[in-house]
PDB file of N, CA and C in Angstrom:
ATOM      1  N   MET A   1      -2.931  13.808 -13.983  1.00  0.00           N
ATOM      2  CA  MET A   1      -3.233  14.247 -12.176  1.00  0.00           C
ATOM      3  C   MET A   1      -4.390  13.254 -12.333  1.00  0.00           C
ATOM      4  N   ALA A   2      -5.384  13.665 -12.645  1.00  0.00           N
ATOM      5  CA  ALA A   2      -6.852  13.363 -12.691  1.00  0.00           C
ATOM      6  C   ALA A   2      -6.848  11.731 -12.835  1.00  0.00           C
ATOM      7  N   ASP A   3      -6.702  11.456 -14.517  1.00  0.00           N
ATOM      8  CA  ASP A   3      -5.611   9.943 -14.717  1.00  0.00           C
ATOM      9  C   ASP A   3      -5.446   9.323 -13.942  1.00  0.00           C
ATOM     10  N   LEU A   4      -3.763   9.782 -12.934  1.00  0.00           N
ATOM     11  CA  LEU A   4      -3.604   9.061 -12.020  1.00  0.00           C
ATOM     12  C   LEU A   4      -4.788   8.667 -11.422  1.00  0.00           C
ATOM     13  N   GLN A   5      -5.250   9.757 -10.264  1.00  0.00           N
ATOM     14  CA  GLN A   5      -6.053   9.415  -9.456  1.00  0.00           C
ATOM     15  C   GLN A   5      -7.153   8.283  -9.789  1.00  0.00           C
ATOM     16  N   ALA A   6      -7.458   8.102 -11.245  1.00  0.00           N
ATOM     17  CA  ALA A   6      -8.619   7.209 -11.808  1.00  0.00           C
ATOM     18  C   ALA A   6      -8.137   5.930 -11.755  1.00  0.00           C
ATOM     19  N   ALA A   7      -6.878   6.223 -12.394  1.00  0.00           N
ATOM     20  CA  ALA A   7      -6.031   4.658 -12.690  1.00  0.00           C
ATOM     21  C   ALA A   7      -6.046   3.724 -11.117  1.00  0.00           C
ATOM     22  N   PHE A   8      -5.644   4.858  -9.875  1.00  0.00           N
ATOM     23  CA  PHE A   8      -5.402   4.296  -8.824  1.00  0.00           C
ATOM     24  C   PHE A   8      -6.915   3.493  -8.129  1.00  0.00           C
ATOM     25  N   GLU A   9      -7.796   4.190  -8.466  1.00  0.00           N
ATOM     26  CA  GLU A   9      -9.311   4.036  -7.919  1.00  0.00           C
ATOM     27  C   GLU A   9      -9.507   2.856  -8.489  1.00  0.00           C
ATOM     28  N   LYS A  10      -9.411   2.406  -9.750  1.00  0.00           N
ATOM     29  CA  LYS A  10      -9.114   1.237 -10.589  1.00  0.00           C
ATOM     30  C   LYS A  10      -8.379   0.276 -10.205  1.00  0.00           C
ATOM     31  N   ALA A  11      -6.926   0.499  -9.778  1.00  0.00           N
ATOM     32  CA  ALA A  11      -6.205  -0.716  -9.381  1.00  0.00           C
ATOM     33  C   ALA A  11      -7.078  -0.787  -7.470  1.00  0.00           C
ATOM     34  N   VAL A  12      -7.282  -0.661  -7.318  1.00  0.00           N
ATOM     35  CA  VAL A  12      -8.196  -0.387  -5.727  1.00  0.00           C
ATOM     36  C   VAL A  12      -8.985  -0.936  -5.565  1.00  0.00           C
ATOM     37  N   ALA A  13      -9.788  -1.245  -6.865  1.00  0.00           N
ATOM     38  CA  ALA A  13     -10.984  -1.959  -6.466  1.00  0.00           C
ATOM     39  C   ALA A  13     -10.596  -3.128  -7.625  1.00  0.00           C
ATOM     40  N   GLU A  14      -9.504  -3.255  -8.183  1.00  0.00           N
ATOM     41  CA  GLU A  14      -9.002  -4.773  -8.480  1.00  0.00           C
ATOM     42  C   GLU A  14      -8.251  -5.308  -7.554  1.00  0.00           C
ATOM     43  N   SER A  15      -7.808  -4.427  -6.964  1.00  0.00           N
ATOM     44  CA  SER A  15      -7.053  -5.266  -5.921  1.00  0.00           C
ATOM     45  C   SER A  15      -8.172  -6.398  -4.758  1.00  0.00           C
ATOM     46  N   LYS A  16      -9.323  -6.286  -4.918  1.00  0.00           N
ATOM     47  CA  LYS A  16     -10.398  -6.896  -4.163  1.00  0.00           C
ATOM     48  C   LYS A  16     -10.624  -7.779  -5.013  1.00  0.00           C
ATOM     49  N   THR A  17     -10.589  -8.201  -6.186  1.00  0.00           N
ATOM     50  CA  THR A  17     -11.074  -8.993  -7.289  1.00  0.00           C
ATOM     51  C   THR A  17      -9.836  -9.876  -8.018  1.00  0.00           C
ATOM     52  N   LEU A  18      -8.540  -9.922  -7.051  1.00  0.00           N
ATOM     53  CA  LEU A  18      -6.949 -10.265  -7.612  1.00  0.00           C
ATOM     54  C   LEU A  18      -7.491 -11.940  -8.116  1.00  0.00           C
ATOM     55  N   PRO A  19      -7.255 -12.751  -8.726  1.00  0.00           N
ATOM     56  CA  PRO A  19      -7.379 -14.341  -9.492  1.00  0.00           C
ATOM     57  C   PRO A  19      -7.123 -15.275  -8.145  1.00  0.00           C
ATOM     58  N   GLU A  20      -6.361 -15.094  -7.469  1.00  0.00           N
ATOM     59  CA  GLU A  20      -5.400 -15.453  -6.434  1.00  0.00           C
ATOM     60  C   GLU A  20      -5.192 -14.683  -5.045  1.00  0.00           C
ATOM     61  N   LYS A  21      -4.979 -15.238  -3.664  1.00  0.00           N
ATOM     62  CA  LYS A  21      -4.627 -14.071  -2.734  1.00  0.00           C
ATOM     63  C   LYS A  21      -2.901 -13.849  -3.048  1.00  0.00           C
ATOM     64  N   PRO A  22      -2.690 -12.744  -2.432  1.00  0.00           N
ATOM     65  CA  PRO A  22      -1.197 -12.371  -2.773  1.00  0.00           C
ATOM     66  C   PRO A  22      -0.296 -13.122  -1.318  1.00  0.00           C
ATOM     67  N   ASP A  23       0.721 -13.251  -1.304  1.00  0.00           N
ATOM     68  CA  ASP A  23       1.253 -13.869   0.097  1.00  0.00           C
ATOM     69  C   ASP A  23       1.525 -12.757   0.875  1.00  0.00           C
ATOM     70  N   ASN A  24       1.677 -12.806   2.425  1.00  0.00           N
ATOM     71  CA  ASN A  24       1.655 -11.928   2.694  1.00  0.00           C
ATOM     72  C   ASN A  24       2.542 -10.823   2.813  1.00  0.00           C
ATOM     73  N   MET A  25       3.859 -11.395   2.302  1.00  0.00           N
ATOM     74  CA  MET A  25       4.758  -9.901   1.797  1.00  0.00           C
ATOM     75  C   MET A  25       4.312  -8.778   0.859  1.00  0.00           C
ATOM     76  N   THR A  26       4.011  -9.248  -0.327  1.00  0.00           N
ATOM     77  CA  THR A  26       2.745  -8.645  -1.405  1.00  0.00           C
ATOM     78  C   THR A  26       1.602  -7.805  -0.430  1.00  0.00           C
ATOM     79  N   LEU A  27       0.782  -8.790   0.585  1.00  0.00           N
ATOM     80  CA  LEU A  27       0.186  -8.133   1.235  1.00  0.00           C
ATOM     81  C   LEU A  27       0.163  -6.637   1.565  1.00  0.00           C
ATOM     82  N   LEU A  28       1.526  -6.748   2.446  1.00  0.00           N
ATOM     83  CA  LEU A  28       1.949  -5.565   3.681  1.00  0.00           C
ATOM     84  C   LEU A  28       2.558  -4.292   2.441  1.00  0.00           C
ATOM     85  N   LYS A  29       2.902  -5.093   0.865  1.00  0.00           N
ATOM     86  CA  LYS A  29       3.431  -3.782   0.073  1.00  0.00           C
ATOM     87  C   LYS A  29       1.879  -2.706  -0.226  1.00  0.00           C
ATOM     88  N   ILE A  30       0.957  -4.024  -0.714  1.00  0.00           N
ATOM     89  CA  ILE A  30      -0.116  -3.163  -1.244  1.00  0.00           C
ATOM     90  C   ILE A  30      -0.850  -2.592  -0.124  1.00  0.00           C
ATOM     91  N   TYR A  31      -0.599  -2.802   1.117  1.00  0.00           N
ATOM     92  CA  TYR A  31      -1.363  -2.020   2.548  1.00  0.00           C
ATOM     93  C   TYR A  31      -0.538  -0.838   2.606  1.00  0.00           C
ATOM     94  N   ALA A  32       0.651  -0.897   2.519  1.00  0.00           N
ATOM     95  CA  ALA A  32       1.874   0.408   2.428  1.00  0.00           C
ATOM     96  C   ALA A  32       1.735   1.297   1.638  1.00  0.00           C
ATOM     97  N   LEU A  33       1.643   0.969   0.414  1.00  0.00           N
ATOM     98  CA  LEU A  33       1.373   1.608  -0.597  1.00  0.00           C
ATOM     99  C   LEU A  33      -0.065   2.535  -0.882  1.00  0.00           C
ATOM    100  N   TYR A  34      -0.935   1.640  -0.292  1.00  0.00           N
ATOM    101  CA  TYR A  34      -2.303   2.458  -0.267  1.00  0.00           C
ATOM    102  C   TYR A  34      -2.148   3.650   1.181  1.00  0.00           C
ATOM    103  N   LYS A  35      -1.941   3.116   1.961  1.00  0.00           N
ATOM    104  CA  LYS A  35      -1.891   4.121   2.876  1.00  0.00           C
ATOM    105  C   LYS A  35      -0.697   5.351   2.622  1.00  0.00           C
ATOM    106  N   GLN A  36       0.382   5.183   2.243  1.00  0.00           N
ATOM    107  CA  GLN A  36       1.261   6.308   1.696  1.00  0.00           C
ATOM    108  C   GLN A  36       0.703   6.948   1.168  1.00  0.00           C
ATOM    109  N   ALA A  37      -0.198   6.348  -0.413  1.00  0.00           N
ATOM    110  CA  ALA A  37      -0.543   7.270  -0.822  1.00  0.00           C
ATOM    111  C   ALA A  37      -1.748   8.011  -0.838  1.00  0.00           C
ATOM    112  N   THR A  38      -2.903   7.633   0.130  1.00  0.00           N
ATOM    113  CA  THR A  38      -3.983   8.237   0.855  1.00  0.00           C
ATOM    114  C   THR A  38      -3.734   8.676   1.893  1.00  0.00           C
ATOM    115  N   VAL A  39      -2.855   8.998   2.763  1.00  0.00           N
ATOM    116  CA  VAL A  39      -2.471   9.522   4.475  1.00  0.00           C
ATOM    117  C   VAL A  39      -1.583  10.003   4.486  1.00  0.00           C
ATOM    118  N   GLY A  40      -0.117   9.724   3.820  1.00  0.00           N
ATOM    119  CA  GLY A  40       0.953  10.040   3.641  1.00  0.00           C
ATOM    120  C   GLY A  40       1.914   9.392   4.616  1.00  0.00           C
ATOM    121  N   ASP A  41       2.924  10.206   4.794  1.00  0.00           N
ATOM    122  CA  ASP A  41       4.002   9.301   6.206  1.00  0.00           C
ATOM    123  C   ASP A  41       3.175   8.948   7.430  1.00  0.00           C
ATOM    124  N   VAL A  42       4.066   7.812   7.726  1.00  0.00           N
ATOM    125  CA  VAL A  42       3.189   6.679   8.772  1.00  0.00           C
ATOM    126  C   VAL A  42       3.925   8.059   9.885  1.00  0.00           C
ATOM    127  N   GLU A  43       2.634   8.241  11.189  1.00  0.00           N
ATOM    128  CA  GLU A  43       2.741   8.864  12.107  1.00  0.00           C
ATOM    129  C   GLU A  43       2.638   8.170  13.433  1.00  0.00           C
ATOM    130  N   GLY A  44       2.668   8.608  14.560  1.00  0.00           N
ATOM    131  CA  GLY A  44       2.741   7.747  15.791  1.00  0.00           C
ATOM    132  C   GLY A  44       3.758   6.665  16.003  1.00  0.00           C
ATOM    133  N   SER A  45       3.972   6.365  16.946  1.00  0.00           N
ATOM    134  CA  SER A  45       4.682   5.423  17.473  1.00  0.00           C
ATOM    135  C   SER A  45       4.766   3.558  16.529  1.00  0.00           C
ATOM    136  N   ARG A  46       5.366   2.968  17.016  1.00  0.00           N
ATOM    137  CA  ARG A  46       5.659   1.764  16.593  1.00  0.00           C
ATOM    138  C   ARG A  46       4.638   0.730  17.149  1.00  0.00           C
ATOM    139  N   PRO A  47       3.797   0.158  17.044  1.00  0.00           N
ATOM    140  CA  PRO A  47       3.174  -1.181  17.814  1.00  0.00           C
ATOM    141  C   PRO A  47       4.026  -1.845  18.267  1.00  0.00           C
ATOM    142  N   GLY A  48       3.659  -2.284  19.599  1.00  0.00           N
ATOM    143  CA  GLY A  48       4.116  -3.012  20.778  1.00  0.00           C
ATOM    144  C   GLY A  48       4.135  -4.231  20.278  1.00  0.00           C
ATOM    145  N   PHE A  49       5.254  -4.957  20.918  1.00  0.00           N
ATOM    146  CA  PHE A  49       5.670  -6.126  20.603  1.00  0.00           C
ATOM    147  C   PHE A  49       4.588  -7.427  20.293  1.00  0.00           C
ATOM    148  N   THR A  50       3.563  -6.902  21.164  1.00  0.00           N
ATOM    149  CA  THR A  50       2.738  -8.010  21.606  1.00  0.00           C
ATOM    150  C   THR A  50       1.710  -8.008  19.997  1.00  0.00           C
ATOM    151  N   ASP A  51       1.498  -6.906  19.446  1.00  0.00           N
ATOM    152  CA  ASP A  51       0.723  -6.560  18.254  1.00  0.00           C
ATOM    153  C   ASP A  51       1.953  -6.999  16.861  1.00  0.00           C
ATOM    154  N   MET A  52       1.953  -8.034  16.838  1.00  0.00           N
ATOM    155  CA  MET A  52       2.919  -8.792  15.338  1.00  0.00           C
ATOM    156  C   MET A  52       2.233  -7.711  13.953  1.00  0.00           C
ATOM    157  N   VAL A  53       1.155  -7.759  13.840  1.00  0.00           N
ATOM    158  CA  VAL A  53       0.384  -7.716  12.569  1.00  0.00           C
ATOM    159  C   VAL A  53       0.592  -5.884  12.285  1.00  0.00           C
ATOM    160  N   GLY A  54      -0.032  -5.380  13.875  1.00  0.00           N
ATOM    161  CA  GLY A  54       0.152  -4.153  13.647  1.00  0.00           C
ATOM    162  C   GLY A  54       1.464  -3.516  13.328  1.00  0.00           C
ATOM    163  N   ARG A  55       2.508  -4.345  13.611  1.00  0.00           N
ATOM    164  CA  ARG A  55       3.925  -4.033  13.976  1.00  0.00           C
ATOM    165  C   ARG A  55       4.297  -4.144  12.392  1.00  0.00           C
ATOM    166  N   ALA A  56       4.147  -5.016  11.923  1.00  0.00           N
ATOM    167  CA  ALA A  56       4.534  -5.477  10.487  1.00  0.00           C
ATOM    168  C   ALA A  56       3.663  -4.214   9.423  1.00  0.00           C
ATOM    169  N   LYS A  57       2.774  -3.998   9.575  1.00  0.00           N
ATOM    170  CA  LYS A  57       2.052  -3.079   8.377  1.00  0.00           C
ATOM    171  C   LYS A  57       2.463  -1.472   9.191  1.00  0.00           C
ATOM    172  N   TRP A  58       2.829  -1.431  10.159  1.00  0.00           N
ATOM    173  CA  TRP A  58       3.370  -0.071  10.692  1.00  0.00           C
ATOM    174  C   TRP A  58       4.904   0.104   9.910  1.00  0.00           C
ATOM    175  N   ASP A  59       5.345  -1.357   9.957  1.00  0.00           N
ATOM    176  CA  ASP A  59       7.315  -1.063   9.336  1.00  0.00           C
ATOM    177  C   ASP A  59       7.031  -1.007   8.305  1.00  0.00           C
ATOM    178  N   ALA A  60       6.390  -1.738   7.121  1.00  0.00           N
ATOM    179  CA  ALA A  60       6.000  -1.601   5.912  1.00  0.00           C
ATOM    180  C   ALA A  60       5.975  -0.918   4.928  1.00  0.00           C
ATOM    181  N   TRP A  61       4.522   0.145   6.010  1.00  0.00           N
ATOM    182  CA  TRP A  61       4.440   1.322   5.478  1.00  0.00           C
ATOM    183  C   TRP A  61       5.836   2.446   5.929  1.00  0.00           C
ATOM    184  N   ASN A  62       6.043   2.427   6.965  1.00  0.00           N
ATOM    185  CA  ASN A  62       7.174   3.462   7.543  1.00  0.00           C
ATOM    186  C   ASN A  62       8.304   3.142   7.018  1.00  0.00           C
ATOM    187  N   ALA A  63       8.519   2.158   5.376  1.00  0.00           N
ATOM    188  CA  ALA A  63       9.624   2.157   4.858  1.00  0.00           C
ATOM    189  C   ALA A  63       9.256   3.449   3.699  1.00  0.00           C
ATOM    190  N   LEU A  64       8.161   3.304   3.159  1.00  0.00           N
ATOM    191  CA  LEU A  64       8.059   4.413   2.213  1.00  0.00           C
ATOM    192  C   LEU A  64       7.986   5.675   2.412  1.00  0.00           C
ATOM    193  N   LYS A  65       8.434   5.933   3.948  1.00  0.00           N
ATOM    194  CA  LYS A  65       8.235   7.488   4.411  1.00  0.00           C
ATOM    195  C   LYS A  65       9.175   8.173   3.628  1.00  0.00           C
ATOM    196  N   GLY A  66       8.693   9.290   3.112  1.00  0.00           N
ATOM    197  CA  GLY A  66       9.325  10.741   2.317  1.00  0.00           C
ATOM    198  C   GLY A  66       8.846  10.304   0.793  1.00  0.00           C
ATOM    199  N   GLN A  67       8.603   9.162   0.304  1.00  0.00           N
ATOM    200  CA  GLN A  67       7.318   8.928  -0.833  1.00  0.00           C
ATOM    201  C   GLN A  67       6.472   9.726  -1.017  1.00  0.00           C
ATOM    202  N   SER A  68       6.563  10.465  -2.230  1.00  0.00           N
ATOM    203  CA  SER A  68       5.271  11.528  -2.722  1.00  0.00           C
ATOM    204  C   SER A  68       4.055  10.368  -2.590  1.00  0.00           C
ATOM    205  N   ALA A  69       2.894  10.867  -2.810  1.00  0.00           N
ATOM    206  CA  ALA A  69       1.308  10.324  -2.848  1.00  0.00           C
ATOM    207  C   ALA A  69       1.885   9.757  -4.306  1.00  0.00           C
ATOM    208  N   ASP A  70       1.669  10.824  -5.499  1.00  0.00           N
ATOM    209  CA  ASP A  70       1.854  10.138  -6.850  1.00  0.00           C
ATOM    210  C   ASP A  70       2.407   8.612  -7.167  1.00  0.00           C
ATOM    211  N   GLU A  71       3.616   8.657  -6.668  1.00  0.00           N
ATOM    212  CA  GLU A  71       4.861   8.009  -6.544  1.00  0.00           C
ATOM    213  C   GLU A  71       4.373   6.725  -6.127  1.00  0.00           C
ATOM    214  N   ALA A  72       3.696   6.582  -4.930  1.00  0.00           N
ATOM    215  CA  ALA A  72       3.045   5.571  -4.399  1.00  0.00           C
ATOM    216  C   ALA A  72       1.526   5.066  -4.850  1.00  0.00           C
ATOM    217  N   LYS A  73       1.001   6.062  -5.186  1.00  0.00           N
ATOM    218  CA  LYS A  73      -0.189   5.602  -6.203  1.00  0.00           C
ATOM    219  C   LYS A  73      -0.025   4.791  -7.340  1.00  0.00           C
ATOM    220  N   GLN A  74       1.498   5.250  -8.269  1.00  0.00           N
ATOM    221  CA  GLN A  74       2.011   4.581  -9.574  1.00  0.00           C
ATOM    222  C   GLN A  74       2.453   3.207  -9.154  1.00  0.00           C
ATOM    223  N   SER A  75       2.636   3.234  -8.250  1.00  0.00           N
ATOM    224  CA  SER A  75       3.373   1.991  -7.521  1.00  0.00           C
ATOM    225  C   SER A  75       2.563   1.256  -7.258  1.00  0.00           C
ATOM    226  N   TYR A  76       1.632   1.720  -6.604  1.00  0.00           N
ATOM    227  CA  TYR A  76       0.488   0.679  -6.193  1.00  0.00           C
ATOM    228  C   TYR A  76      -0.523  -0.032  -7.469  1.00  0.00           C
ATOM    229  N   ILE A  77      -0.140   0.537  -8.624  1.00  0.00           N
ATOM    230  CA  ILE A  77      -1.071   0.647  -9.649  1.00  0.00           C
ATOM    231  C   ILE A  77      -0.408  -0.565 -10.383  1.00  0.00           C
ATOM    232  N   ASP A  78       1.012  -0.380 -10.700  1.00  0.00           N
ATOM    233  CA  ASP A  78       2.062  -1.231 -11.192  1.00  0.00           C
ATOM    234  C   ASP A  78       1.943  -3.207 -10.183  1.00  0.00           C
ATOM    235  N   LEU A  79       1.794  -2.406  -8.998  1.00  0.00           N
ATOM    236  CA  LEU A  79       2.182  -3.813  -8.186  1.00  0.00           C
ATOM    237  C   LEU A  79       0.865  -4.265  -8.565  1.00  0.00           C
ATOM    238  N   ILE A  80      -0.566  -3.971  -8.630  1.00  0.00           N
ATOM    239  CA  ILE A  80      -1.796  -4.750  -8.715  1.00  0.00           C
ATOM    240  C   ILE A  80      -2.115  -5.420 -10.440  1.00  0.00           C
ATOM    241  N   GLU A  81      -0.876  -4.458 -11.045  1.00  0.00           N
ATOM    242  CA  GLU A  81      -1.444  -4.986 -12.437  1.00  0.00           C
ATOM    243  C   GLU A  81      -0.479  -6.144 -12.820  1.00  0.00           C
ATOM    244  N   SER A  82       0.540  -6.371 -11.813  1.00  0.00           N
ATOM    245  CA  SER A  82       1.798  -7.147 -12.072  1.00  0.00           C
ATOM    246  C   SER A  82       0.796  -8.678 -11.340  1.00  0.00           C
ATOM    247  N   LEU A  83      -0.072  -8.698 -10.579  1.00  0.00           N
ATOM    248  CA  LEU A  83      -0.754  -9.740  -9.360  1.00  0.00           C
ATOM    249  C   LEU A  83      -2.237 -10.231 -10.554  1.00  0.00           C
ATOM    250  N   LYS A  84      -2.516  -9.607 -11.604  1.00  0.00           N
ATOM    251  CA  LYS A  84      -3.735  -9.759 -12.253  1.00  0.00           C
ATOM    252  C   LYS A  84      -3.180 -10.895 -12.993  1.00  0.00           C
TER     253      LYS A  84
END
């Protein structure tokens, strides 16, 4: 458990120093996995039509509903590793 948390924190730090900026869909996946790993399932209502960015983030996070924090952390680590 501590190893997974340490690897997750390392991946978070590495996500800020990737060789090139990921595309928007990958950025949404990174965001959603991070939120699922650190907060859990999304709460609150979906942002309105005028908030396109907020709506995309909410949808990406909501797609992970039910995934455990550990699963989300491992997926986040794997995704960051694949982008290096």
